[in-house]
Amino acid sequence: MKRKSYNEMPCPIAQCLEHVGEWWSMLIIRDVFRGFRRFDELTKSLGIAPNILTRRLNDLVESGILEKQKYGESDKRFEYVLTQRGVDLYPLLVVMFEWGNKHSAPKGVKSYFISNKTKEIAEPIVIDRKTGEEMIPERYQPYFTSEDNE
């Protein structure tokens, strides 16, 4: 069954969902960030049916989030690597990770981001690079404009 397309919606959130809104997609991207790049690694890590994984990987390649690269001697063996467009999803994964920890982590389970440099537990927030302020609804709101108005 084909899902609704968000292609015609001008909202950036809808446009993001057009590419990664299917829930397997974000889990695949998460695992590629974690170092799982080969089909069999992703199948095992995610517990996903091969036909579904094939479809999702093809969609992510078509969206320019992953790139398919040959490895080994065979022309039939590929691994999937993040493009810059895919790497740019990292902050979204961080925010989703933190939200999941706060609102729906299984009882007794807590996950963290750890600084590679200090080995300290990180406390991620979303900030405005220009002001250094935390981006919260009381301080920031979305503003939509068309290129014609700029």
N, C-alpha and C. Protein backbone atom coordinates (compact mmCIF):
# COMPACT_ATOMS: atom_id res chain seq x y z
N MET A 1 0.83 -1.18 0.00
CA MET A 1 0.00 0.00 0.00
C MET A 1 0.88 1.25 0.00
N LYS A 2 0.63 2.13 -0.91
CA LYS A 2 1.40 3.37 -1.03
C LYS A 2 0.94 4.36 0.03
N ARG A 3 1.88 4.93 0.73
CA ARG A 3 1.53 5.92 1.75
C ARG A 3 1.32 7.28 1.11
N LYS A 4 0.73 8.17 1.88
CA LYS A 4 0.50 9.53 1.41
C LYS A 4 1.84 10.22 1.15
N SER A 5 1.91 10.98 0.09
CA SER A 5 3.12 11.73 -0.21
C SER A 5 2.99 13.14 0.38
N TYR A 6 4.10 13.63 0.90
CA TYR A 6 4.15 14.98 1.46
C TYR A 6 4.87 15.93 0.50
N ASN A 7 5.15 15.47 -0.71
CA ASN A 7 5.93 16.23 -1.68
C ASN A 7 5.41 17.64 -1.93
N GLU A 8 4.11 17.81 -1.95
CA GLU A 8 3.53 19.12 -2.29
C GLU A 8 3.41 20.05 -1.08
N MET A 9 3.64 19.55 0.12
CA MET A 9 3.52 20.40 1.31
C MET A 9 4.77 21.26 1.46
N PRO A 10 4.62 22.56 1.66
CA PRO A 10 5.79 23.43 1.77
C PRO A 10 6.50 23.36 3.13
N CYS A 11 5.93 22.66 4.09
CA CYS A 11 6.50 22.59 5.44
C CYS A 11 7.78 21.74 5.44
N PRO A 12 8.89 22.24 6.02
CA PRO A 12 10.14 21.47 6.07
C PRO A 12 10.00 20.16 6.85
N ILE A 13 9.14 20.11 7.84
CA ILE A 13 8.94 18.86 8.58
C ILE A 13 8.30 17.82 7.66
N ALA A 14 7.31 18.24 6.89
CA ALA A 14 6.68 17.32 5.93
C ALA A 14 7.69 16.85 4.90
N GLN A 15 8.57 17.74 4.45
CA GLN A 15 9.58 17.36 3.46
C GLN A 15 10.57 16.36 4.06
N CYS A 16 10.94 16.54 5.31
CA CYS A 16 11.81 15.58 5.99
C CYS A 16 11.11 14.22 6.07
N LEU A 17 9.83 14.23 6.44
CA LEU A 17 9.08 12.98 6.54
C LEU A 17 8.95 12.28 5.19
N GLU A 18 8.94 13.04 4.13
CA GLU A 18 8.88 12.45 2.79
C GLU A 18 10.06 11.49 2.57
N HIS A 19 11.18 11.79 3.19
CA HIS A 19 12.40 10.99 3.00
C HIS A 19 12.65 9.98 4.10
N VAL A 20 12.30 10.31 5.33
CA VAL A 20 12.64 9.43 6.45
C VAL A 20 11.46 9.15 7.37
N GLY A 21 10.26 9.40 6.91
CA GLY A 21 9.08 9.27 7.75
C GLY A 21 8.63 7.84 8.02
N GLU A 22 9.10 6.90 7.25
CA GLU A 22 8.75 5.51 7.50
C GLU A 22 9.65 5.01 8.62
N TRP A 23 9.08 4.38 9.64
CA TRP A 23 9.84 4.12 10.86
C TRP A 23 11.06 3.23 10.68
N TRP A 24 11.06 2.30 9.73
CA TRP A 24 12.27 1.51 9.51
C TRP A 24 13.42 2.38 9.03
N SER A 25 13.10 3.44 8.31
CA SER A 25 14.15 4.30 7.74
C SER A 25 15.05 4.89 8.82
N MET A 26 14.46 5.43 9.86
CA MET A 26 15.28 6.03 10.92
C MET A 26 16.10 4.98 11.66
N LEU A 27 15.56 3.78 11.82
CA LEU A 27 16.32 2.72 12.48
C LEU A 27 17.49 2.25 11.61
N ILE A 28 17.28 2.21 10.31
CA ILE A 28 18.38 1.87 9.39
C ILE A 28 19.46 2.94 9.47
N ILE A 29 19.06 4.20 9.41
CA ILE A 29 20.02 5.30 9.50
C ILE A 29 20.77 5.24 10.82
N ARG A 30 20.05 4.99 11.91
CA ARG A 30 20.69 4.84 13.23
C ARG A 30 21.77 3.77 13.18
N ASP A 31 21.43 2.61 12.59
CA ASP A 31 22.39 1.52 12.57
C ASP A 31 23.57 1.79 11.65
N VAL A 32 23.36 2.52 10.56
CA VAL A 32 24.50 2.89 9.71
C VAL A 32 25.43 3.82 10.48
N PHE A 33 24.88 4.75 11.26
CA PHE A 33 25.72 5.58 12.13
C PHE A 33 26.50 4.72 13.12
N ARG A 34 25.90 3.63 13.57
CA ARG A 34 26.54 2.74 14.54
C ARG A 34 27.57 1.81 13.90
N GLY A 35 27.69 1.85 12.56
CA GLY A 35 28.72 1.06 11.89
C GLY A 35 28.21 -0.15 11.14
N PHE A 36 26.91 -0.42 11.18
CA PHE A 36 26.35 -1.53 10.41
C PHE A 36 26.09 -1.02 9.00
N ARG A 37 26.82 -1.53 8.02
CA ARG A 37 26.71 -1.01 6.67
C ARG A 37 26.34 -2.05 5.62
N ARG A 38 26.44 -3.29 5.99
CA ARG A 38 26.16 -4.36 5.02
C ARG A 38 24.77 -4.93 5.26
N PHE A 39 24.19 -5.43 4.17
CA PHE A 39 22.82 -5.92 4.21
C PHE A 39 22.60 -6.94 5.33
N ASP A 40 23.51 -7.92 5.41
CA ASP A 40 23.34 -8.97 6.43
C ASP A 40 23.49 -8.41 7.84
N GLU A 41 24.35 -7.42 8.04
CA GLU A 41 24.50 -6.79 9.36
C GLU A 41 23.21 -6.06 9.75
N LEU A 42 22.64 -5.34 8.79
CA LEU A 42 21.41 -4.60 9.06
C LEU A 42 20.24 -5.54 9.32
N THR A 43 20.15 -6.61 8.53
CA THR A 43 19.08 -7.59 8.73
C THR A 43 19.15 -8.16 10.14
N LYS A 44 20.33 -8.54 10.56
CA LYS A 44 20.51 -9.15 11.88
C LYS A 44 20.26 -8.13 12.99
N SER A 45 20.81 -6.94 12.87
CA SER A 45 20.68 -5.91 13.90
C SER A 45 19.22 -5.49 14.10
N LEU A 46 18.51 -5.33 12.99
CA LEU A 46 17.15 -4.80 13.05
C LEU A 46 16.08 -5.89 13.19
N GLY A 47 16.40 -7.13 12.82
CA GLY A 47 15.39 -8.17 12.81
C GLY A 47 14.32 -7.89 11.77
N ILE A 48 14.73 -7.34 10.65
CA ILE A 48 13.84 -6.91 9.58
C ILE A 48 13.82 -7.95 8.47
N ALA A 49 12.67 -8.12 7.84
CA ALA A 49 12.57 -9.04 6.70
C ALA A 49 13.42 -8.49 5.55
N PRO A 50 14.13 -9.35 4.84
CA PRO A 50 14.99 -8.91 3.74
C PRO A 50 14.28 -8.09 2.67
N ASN A 51 13.04 -8.44 2.34
CA ASN A 51 12.33 -7.69 1.29
C ASN A 51 12.00 -6.27 1.75
N ILE A 52 11.69 -6.10 3.02
CA ILE A 52 11.41 -4.77 3.55
C ILE A 52 12.69 -3.95 3.61
N LEU A 53 13.78 -4.59 4.07
CA LEU A 53 15.06 -3.88 4.14
C LEU A 53 15.50 -3.45 2.74
N THR A 54 15.34 -4.31 1.76
CA THR A 54 15.71 -3.95 0.39
C THR A 54 14.95 -2.72 -0.07
N ARG A 55 13.64 -2.69 0.17
CA ARG A 55 12.82 -1.54 -0.22
C ARG A 55 13.27 -0.27 0.48
N ARG A 56 13.49 -0.35 1.78
CA ARG A 56 13.88 0.84 2.55
C ARG A 56 15.26 1.34 2.13
N LEU A 57 16.20 0.43 1.93
CA LEU A 57 17.54 0.84 1.48
C LEU A 57 17.46 1.52 0.12
N ASN A 58 16.67 0.96 -0.79
CA ASN A 58 16.50 1.57 -2.11
C ASN A 58 15.91 2.97 -1.99
N ASP A 59 14.92 3.14 -1.12
CA ASP A 59 14.32 4.46 -0.90
C ASP A 59 15.35 5.46 -0.35
N LEU A 60 16.15 5.01 0.60
CA LEU A 60 17.16 5.90 1.21
C LEU A 60 18.26 6.27 0.21
N VAL A 61 18.61 5.33 -0.66
CA VAL A 61 19.58 5.63 -1.72
C VAL A 61 18.97 6.63 -2.71
N GLU A 62 17.72 6.38 -3.10
CA GLU A 62 17.03 7.26 -4.04
C GLU A 62 16.87 8.67 -3.46
N SER A 63 16.69 8.78 -2.16
CA SER A 63 16.55 10.08 -1.50
C SER A 63 17.88 10.79 -1.28
N GLY A 64 18.98 10.09 -1.58
CA GLY A 64 20.30 10.70 -1.42
C GLY A 64 20.80 10.70 0.01
N ILE A 65 20.23 9.85 0.86
CA ILE A 65 20.64 9.78 2.26
C ILE A 65 21.73 8.73 2.45
N LEU A 66 21.63 7.64 1.70
CA LEU A 66 22.65 6.60 1.69
C LEU A 66 23.21 6.47 0.28
N GLU A 67 24.42 5.95 0.23
CA GLU A 67 25.07 5.66 -1.04
C GLU A 67 25.47 4.19 -1.02
N LYS A 68 25.23 3.51 -2.11
CA LYS A 68 25.56 2.10 -2.23
C LYS A 68 26.97 2.00 -2.80
N GLN A 69 27.86 1.28 -2.11
CA GLN A 69 29.24 1.11 -2.57
C GLN A 69 29.59 -0.37 -2.60
N LYS A 70 30.28 -0.77 -3.67
CA LYS A 70 30.73 -2.16 -3.79
C LYS A 70 31.82 -2.43 -2.75
N TYR A 71 31.82 -3.68 -2.26
CA TYR A 71 32.96 -4.11 -1.45
C TYR A 71 33.30 -5.55 -1.82
N GLY A 72 34.54 -5.91 -1.60
CA GLY A 72 34.98 -7.26 -1.93
C GLY A 72 35.16 -7.45 -3.43
N GLU A 73 35.33 -8.68 -3.81
CA GLU A 73 35.59 -9.03 -5.20
C GLU A 73 34.33 -9.11 -6.05
N SER A 74 33.21 -9.39 -5.43
CA SER A 74 31.97 -9.61 -6.17
C SER A 74 31.30 -8.30 -6.57
N ASP A 75 30.68 -8.31 -7.74
CA ASP A 75 29.90 -7.15 -8.18
C ASP A 75 28.52 -7.14 -7.52
N LYS A 76 28.24 -8.14 -6.70
CA LYS A 76 26.93 -8.25 -6.07
C LYS A 76 26.96 -7.91 -4.58
N ARG A 77 28.10 -7.53 -4.06
CA ARG A 77 28.19 -7.23 -2.63
C ARG A 77 28.36 -5.73 -2.43
N PHE A 78 27.45 -5.18 -1.64
CA PHE A 78 27.44 -3.74 -1.42
C PHE A 78 27.38 -3.42 0.06
N GLU A 79 27.84 -2.23 0.38
CA GLU A 79 27.60 -1.68 1.71
C GLU A 79 26.98 -0.31 1.51
N TYR A 80 26.36 0.17 2.55
CA TYR A 80 25.63 1.44 2.48
C TYR A 80 26.31 2.44 3.40
N VAL A 81 26.65 3.59 2.84
CA VAL A 81 27.31 4.64 3.62
C VAL A 81 26.46 5.91 3.56
N LEU A 82 26.57 6.69 4.60
CA LEU A 82 25.82 7.94 4.67
C LEU A 82 26.43 8.98 3.74
N THR A 83 25.58 9.67 3.03
CA THR A 83 26.02 10.84 2.26
C THR A 83 26.02 12.02 3.24
N GLN A 84 26.43 13.18 2.79
CA GLN A 84 26.36 14.36 3.66
C GLN A 84 24.91 14.63 4.07
N ARG A 85 24.01 14.40 3.14
CA ARG A 85 22.59 14.57 3.45
C ARG A 85 22.18 13.63 4.60
N GLY A 86 22.71 12.43 4.61
CA GLY A 86 22.43 11.48 5.68
C GLY A 86 23.09 11.88 6.99
N VAL A 87 24.34 12.32 6.91
CA VAL A 87 25.06 12.77 8.12
C VAL A 87 24.33 13.93 8.77
N ASP A 88 23.70 14.78 7.94
CA ASP A 88 22.95 15.93 8.48
C ASP A 88 21.74 15.52 9.31
N LEU A 89 21.36 14.24 9.27
CA LEU A 89 20.26 13.74 10.10
C LEU A 89 20.68 13.44 11.53
N TYR A 90 21.97 13.48 11.81
CA TYR A 90 22.46 13.11 13.15
C TYR A 90 21.79 13.90 14.27
N PRO A 91 21.67 15.23 14.17
CA PRO A 91 20.99 15.95 15.25
C PRO A 91 19.55 15.48 15.48
N LEU A 92 18.87 15.10 14.41
CA LEU A 92 17.51 14.59 14.55
C LEU A 92 17.51 13.29 15.36
N LEU A 93 18.46 12.41 15.08
CA LEU A 93 18.57 11.17 15.84
C LEU A 93 18.87 11.44 17.31
N VAL A 94 19.72 12.42 17.58
CA VAL A 94 20.04 12.78 18.96
C VAL A 94 18.78 13.22 19.70
N VAL A 95 17.99 14.09 19.07
CA VAL A 95 16.77 14.59 19.70
C VAL A 95 15.77 13.46 19.90
N MET A 96 15.63 12.58 18.92
CA MET A 96 14.72 11.44 19.06
C MET A 96 15.18 10.50 20.18
N PHE A 97 16.47 10.29 20.27
CA PHE A 97 17.06 9.45 21.32
C PHE A 97 16.73 10.02 22.70
N GLU A 98 16.95 11.32 22.86
CA GLU A 98 16.68 11.97 24.14
C GLU A 98 15.20 11.95 24.49
N TRP A 99 14.34 12.18 23.50
CA TRP A 99 12.90 12.15 23.73
C TRP A 99 12.49 10.74 24.17
N GLY A 100 13.00 9.72 23.48
CA GLY A 100 12.68 8.34 23.84
C GLY A 100 13.13 8.00 25.26
N ASN A 101 14.31 8.46 25.64
CA ASN A 101 14.79 8.24 27.00
C ASN A 101 13.87 8.89 28.03
N LYS A 102 13.45 10.10 27.73
CA LYS A 102 12.64 10.86 28.69
C LYS A 102 11.21 10.32 28.79
N HIS A 103 10.62 9.94 27.67
CA HIS A 103 9.19 9.66 27.66
C HIS A 103 8.79 8.20 27.46
N SER A 104 9.70 7.35 27.01
CA SER A 104 9.22 5.98 26.74
C SER A 104 10.28 4.90 26.90
N ALA A 105 11.34 5.17 27.62
CA ALA A 105 12.35 4.12 27.84
C ALA A 105 11.76 3.01 28.69
N PRO A 106 12.06 1.76 28.36
CA PRO A 106 11.58 0.66 29.20
C PRO A 106 12.07 0.84 30.64
N LYS A 107 11.24 0.46 31.58
CA LYS A 107 11.58 0.62 33.00
C LYS A 107 12.94 -0.02 33.29
N GLY A 108 13.78 0.74 33.95
CA GLY A 108 15.10 0.26 34.33
C GLY A 108 16.15 0.38 33.24
N VAL A 109 15.78 0.85 32.07
CA VAL A 109 16.74 0.99 30.96
C VAL A 109 16.97 2.47 30.70
N LYS A 110 18.23 2.86 30.69
CA LYS A 110 18.59 4.23 30.38
C LYS A 110 19.78 4.19 29.43
N SER A 111 19.70 4.94 28.39
CA SER A 111 20.78 5.02 27.41
C SER A 111 21.34 6.43 27.43
N TYR A 112 22.57 6.58 27.01
CA TYR A 112 23.22 7.88 27.06
C TYR A 112 24.07 8.09 25.81
N PHE A 113 24.34 9.35 25.54
CA PHE A 113 25.43 9.72 24.64
C PHE A 113 26.62 10.01 25.55
N ILE A 114 27.77 9.53 25.15
CA ILE A 114 29.01 9.75 25.91
C ILE A 114 29.97 10.53 25.02
N SER A 115 30.60 11.55 25.60
CA SER A 115 31.59 12.33 24.86
C SER A 115 32.80 11.45 24.57
N ASN A 116 33.21 11.38 23.31
CA ASN A 116 34.42 10.63 22.95
C ASN A 116 35.66 11.24 23.59
N LYS A 117 35.62 12.56 23.79
CA LYS A 117 36.77 13.27 24.33
C LYS A 117 36.88 13.15 25.85
N THR A 118 35.78 13.43 26.56
CA THR A 118 35.84 13.48 28.03
C THR A 118 35.31 12.21 28.70
N LYS A 119 34.61 11.39 27.94
CA LYS A 119 33.94 10.17 28.44
C LYS A 119 32.82 10.49 29.42
N GLU A 120 32.40 11.74 29.47
CA GLU A 120 31.28 12.17 30.31
C GLU A 120 29.96 11.93 29.59
N ILE A 121 28.89 11.77 30.37
CA ILE A 121 27.56 11.65 29.81
C ILE A 121 27.15 13.02 29.26
N ALA A 122 26.70 13.04 28.02
CA ALA A 122 26.28 14.29 27.39
C ALA A 122 24.86 14.64 27.80
N GLU A 123 24.54 15.92 27.74
CA GLU A 123 23.19 16.41 27.98
C GLU A 123 22.77 17.24 26.77
N PRO A 124 22.35 16.57 25.69
CA PRO A 124 22.04 17.28 24.45
C PRO A 124 20.85 18.23 24.58
N ILE A 125 21.00 19.37 23.93
CA ILE A 125 19.90 20.33 23.76
C ILE A 125 20.02 20.90 22.36
N VAL A 126 18.97 21.53 21.89
CA VAL A 126 19.01 22.20 20.60
C VAL A 126 19.23 23.68 20.87
N ILE A 127 20.28 24.23 20.26
CA ILE A 127 20.58 25.65 20.47
C ILE A 127 20.63 26.39 19.15
N ASP A 128 20.43 27.69 19.25
CA ASP A 128 20.58 28.58 18.11
C ASP A 128 22.06 28.92 18.02
N ARG A 129 22.69 28.56 16.93
CA ARG A 129 24.12 28.79 16.75
C ARG A 129 24.47 30.28 16.85
N LYS A 130 23.57 31.16 16.39
CA LYS A 130 23.85 32.59 16.41
C LYS A 130 23.85 33.18 17.81
N THR A 131 22.88 32.76 18.64
CA THR A 131 22.73 33.37 19.97
C THR A 131 23.24 32.49 21.10
N GLY A 132 23.35 31.19 20.84
CA GLY A 132 23.73 30.26 21.90
C GLY A 132 22.57 29.91 22.82
N GLU A 133 21.37 30.43 22.52
CA GLU A 133 20.20 30.16 23.35
C GLU A 133 19.58 28.81 23.01
N GLU A 134 19.03 28.18 24.04
CA GLU A 134 18.28 26.95 23.82
C GLU A 134 17.01 27.28 23.03
N MET A 135 16.74 26.47 22.02
CA MET A 135 15.56 26.70 21.18
C MET A 135 14.35 26.02 21.82
N ILE A 136 13.55 26.82 22.49
CA ILE A 136 12.33 26.34 23.13
C ILE A 136 11.17 27.17 22.60
N PRO A 137 9.94 26.65 22.67
CA PRO A 137 8.79 27.35 22.08
C PRO A 137 8.59 28.78 22.58
N GLU A 138 8.95 29.05 23.81
CA GLU A 138 8.78 30.40 24.34
C GLU A 138 9.71 31.42 23.68
N ARG A 139 10.79 30.94 23.07
CA ARG A 139 11.78 31.85 22.47
C ARG A 139 11.80 31.83 20.95
N TYR A 140 11.35 30.74 20.34
CA TYR A 140 11.47 30.58 18.89
C TYR A 140 10.19 30.03 18.30
N GLN A 141 9.89 30.46 17.07
CA GLN A 141 8.76 29.92 16.33
C GLN A 141 9.15 29.77 14.87
N PRO A 142 8.50 28.84 14.18
CA PRO A 142 8.81 28.71 12.76
C PRO A 142 8.26 29.90 11.97
N TYR A 143 8.95 30.24 10.94
CA TYR A 143 8.54 31.33 10.06
C TYR A 143 8.64 30.81 8.63
N PHE A 144 7.57 30.90 7.88
CA PHE A 144 7.54 30.40 6.52
C PHE A 144 7.52 31.56 5.55
N THR A 145 8.33 31.46 4.51
CA THR A 145 8.35 32.47 3.46
C THR A 145 8.65 31.76 2.15
N SER A 146 8.34 32.39 1.07
CA SER A 146 8.71 31.82 -0.24
C SER A 146 9.91 32.58 -0.75
N GLU A 147 10.64 31.96 -1.66
CA GLU A 147 11.82 32.62 -2.23
C GLU A 147 11.44 33.90 -2.95
N ASP A 148 10.20 33.97 -3.42
CA ASP A 148 9.74 35.17 -4.12
C ASP A 148 9.71 36.40 -3.20
N ASN A 149 9.53 36.16 -1.90
CA ASN A 149 9.42 37.27 -0.94
C ASN A 149 10.77 37.71 -0.37
N GLU A 150 11.82 37.01 -0.71
CA GLU A 150 13.13 37.33 -0.11
C GLU A 150 13.83 38.44 -0.86
